[in-house]
Each structure stands twice: as C-alpha cells, then as structure tokens.
Amino acid sequence: MNWQPIETAPIPEFIPDKWYSISFRCLVSSGSDVTMATYSYTQKGKGRWQSSLGYNINPTYWMPLPTPPDRKLI
C-alpha cells in the first residue's frame, strides 16, 4: 500500500437519508502525522474529514486501512 493524494480517495456521494453514517475510513496524513480518519457528511451535505477523535482535519494523503491480522485464540 502506498500513500496517495487525498483527491484520489474514493468518497461516496451524499445520501440525505443517511447523512449521519460514516461513509469512508482510511489512514490519512498531512505530513508528519498519521491517523485513522473518516469522511462523512453534515446534515446539510457538507463533506469533511474527521480524525478518529472527531476533530475536523485537512489531510493531504490517504491509504486504505491494512487488513487486520488473523485472530488466534491462545
């Protein structure tokens, strides 16, 4: 997986009846910081990136979340 420009992130279109649902999760970066983020919409259809803590952010790069490791019972 390589970092890609944020403009290439596959953002789904706004759906008025489901504006509150998280539409896209990925890793994002704005230089030196990397965080998991979501792309979601406000009730009025304004899209925004938010960190996993709920802060609005302006990332410049993105990459898909990696596949989680297999879960093994010990």
C-alpha atoms as a PDB file:
ATOM      1  CA  MET A   1       0.000   0.000   0.000  1.00  0.00           C
ATOM      2  CA  ASN A   2       1.327   3.409  -0.973  1.00  0.00           C
ATOM      3  CA  TRP A   3       0.268   6.877   0.088  1.00  0.00           C
ATOM      4  CA  GLN A   4      -1.964   8.545  -2.479  1.00  0.00           C
ATOM      5  CA  PRO A   5      -3.056  12.185  -2.887  1.00  0.00           C
ATOM      6  CA  ILE A   6      -6.206  12.927  -0.877  1.00  0.00           C
ATOM      7  CA  GLU A   7      -8.006  13.972  -4.076  1.00  0.00           C
ATOM      8  CA  THR A   8      -7.961  10.315  -5.196  1.00  0.00           C
ATOM      9  CA  ALA A   9      -9.771   8.960  -2.098  1.00  0.00           C
ATOM     10  CA  PRO A  10     -12.961   7.084  -3.099  1.00  0.00           C
ATOM     11  CA  ILE A  11     -15.527   9.305  -1.391  1.00  0.00           C
ATOM     12  CA  PRO A  12     -19.142   8.173  -1.751  1.00  0.00           C
ATOM     13  CA  GLU A  13     -21.852  10.618  -2.692  1.00  0.00           C
ATOM     14  CA  PHE A  14     -24.058  12.347  -0.129  1.00  0.00           C
ATOM     15  CA  ILE A  15     -27.281  10.476   0.716  1.00  0.00           C
ATOM     16  CA  PRO A  16     -29.731  12.782   2.557  1.00  0.00           C
ATOM     17  CA  ASP A  17     -31.433   9.950   4.469  1.00  0.00           C
ATOM     18  CA  LYS A  18     -28.105   8.554   5.713  1.00  0.00           C
ATOM     19  CA  TRP A  19     -26.066  11.728   6.237  1.00  0.00           C
ATOM     20  CA  TYR A  20     -25.075  10.608   9.759  1.00  0.00           C
ATOM     21  CA  SER A  21     -23.429   7.328   8.721  1.00  0.00           C
ATOM     22  CA  ILE A  22     -19.664   7.083   8.343  1.00  0.00           C
ATOM     23  CA  SER A  23     -19.014   6.741   4.668  1.00  0.00           C
ATOM     24  CA  PHE A  24     -15.292   6.028   4.351  1.00  0.00           C
ATOM     25  CA  ARG A  25     -12.490   5.048   6.774  1.00  0.00           C
ATOM     26  CA  CYS A  26      -8.784   5.106   5.992  1.00  0.00           C
ATOM     27  CA  LEU A  27      -5.380   6.223   7.209  1.00  0.00           C
ATOM     28  CA  VAL A  28      -4.577   9.862   6.452  1.00  0.00           C
ATOM     29  CA  SER A  29      -1.537  12.084   6.740  1.00  0.00           C
ATOM     30  CA  SER A  30      -0.844  15.777   6.479  1.00  0.00           C
ATOM     31  CA  GLY A  31       2.920  15.475   6.579  1.00  0.00           C
ATOM     32  CA  SER A  32       4.401  14.120   9.777  1.00  0.00           C
ATOM     33  CA  ASP A  33       1.214  12.843  11.486  1.00  0.00           C
ATOM     34  CA  VAL A  34      -0.713   9.693  10.575  1.00  0.00           C
ATOM     35  CA  THR A  35      -4.157   8.918  11.964  1.00  0.00           C
ATOM     36  CA  MET A  36      -7.217   6.872  11.185  1.00  0.00           C
ATOM     37  CA  ALA A  37      -9.916   9.128   9.788  1.00  0.00           C
ATOM     38  CA  THR A  38     -13.389   9.072   8.333  1.00  0.00           C
ATOM     39  CA  TYR A  39     -15.013  11.032   5.584  1.00  0.00           C
ATOM     40  CA  SER A  40     -18.575  11.920   6.475  1.00  0.00           C
ATOM     41  CA  TYR A  41     -21.234  14.499   5.821  1.00  0.00           C
ATOM     42  CA  THR A  42     -23.154  17.058   7.830  1.00  0.00           C
ATOM     43  CA  GLN A  43     -26.951  17.037   7.737  1.00  0.00           C
ATOM     44  CA  LYS A  44     -26.816  19.729   5.049  1.00  0.00           C
ATOM     45  CA  GLY A  45     -24.476  17.695   2.826  1.00  0.00           C
ATOM     46  CA  LYS A  46     -21.140  19.327   3.567  1.00  0.00           C
ATOM     47  CA  GLY A  47     -18.421  16.660   3.437  1.00  0.00           C
ATOM     48  CA  ARG A  48     -15.445  16.703   5.792  1.00  0.00           C
ATOM     49  CA  TRP A  49     -12.550  14.621   7.038  1.00  0.00           C
ATOM     50  CA  GLN A  50     -12.539  13.864  10.755  1.00  0.00           C
ATOM     51  CA  SER A  51      -9.896  12.217  12.916  1.00  0.00           C
ATOM     52  CA  SER A  52     -10.809   9.171  14.970  1.00  0.00           C
ATOM     53  CA  LEU A  53     -11.235  11.607  17.907  1.00  0.00           C
ATOM     54  CA  GLY A  54     -13.835  13.638  15.990  1.00  0.00           C
ATOM     55  CA  TYR A  55     -11.705  16.666  15.070  1.00  0.00           C
ATOM     56  CA  ASN A  56     -12.045  18.176  11.604  1.00  0.00           C
ATOM     57  CA  ILE A  57      -8.754  17.720   9.745  1.00  0.00           C
ATOM     58  CA  ASN A  58      -7.253  18.598   6.357  1.00  0.00           C
ATOM     59  CA  PRO A  59      -5.193  15.614   5.231  1.00  0.00           C
ATOM     60  CA  THR A  60      -3.068  15.671   2.093  1.00  0.00           C
ATOM     61  CA  TYR A  61      -2.568  11.905   1.618  1.00  0.00           C
ATOM     62  CA  TRP A  62      -4.530   8.714   2.279  1.00  0.00           C
ATOM     63  CA  MET A  63      -4.168   4.939   2.152  1.00  0.00           C
ATOM     64  CA  PRO A  64      -6.638   2.108   2.799  1.00  0.00           C
ATOM     65  CA  LEU A  65      -6.684   0.547   6.244  1.00  0.00           C
ATOM     66  CA  PRO A  66      -4.470  -2.532   6.317  1.00  0.00           C
ATOM     67  CA  THR A  67      -6.035  -5.961   6.632  1.00  0.00           C
ATOM     68  CA  PRO A  68      -6.230  -6.885  10.314  1.00  0.00           C
ATOM     69  CA  PRO A  69      -4.163  -9.861  11.459  1.00  0.00           C
ATOM     70  CA  ASP A  70      -5.807 -13.250  11.847  1.00  0.00           C
ATOM     71  CA  ARG A  71      -7.358 -13.641  15.239  1.00  0.00           C
ATOM     72  CA  LYS A  72      -5.955 -16.657  17.038  1.00  0.00           C
ATOM     73  CA  LEU A  73      -7.191 -17.945  20.341  1.00  0.00           C
ATOM     74  CA  ILE A  74      -4.467 -18.719  22.824  1.00  0.00           C
END
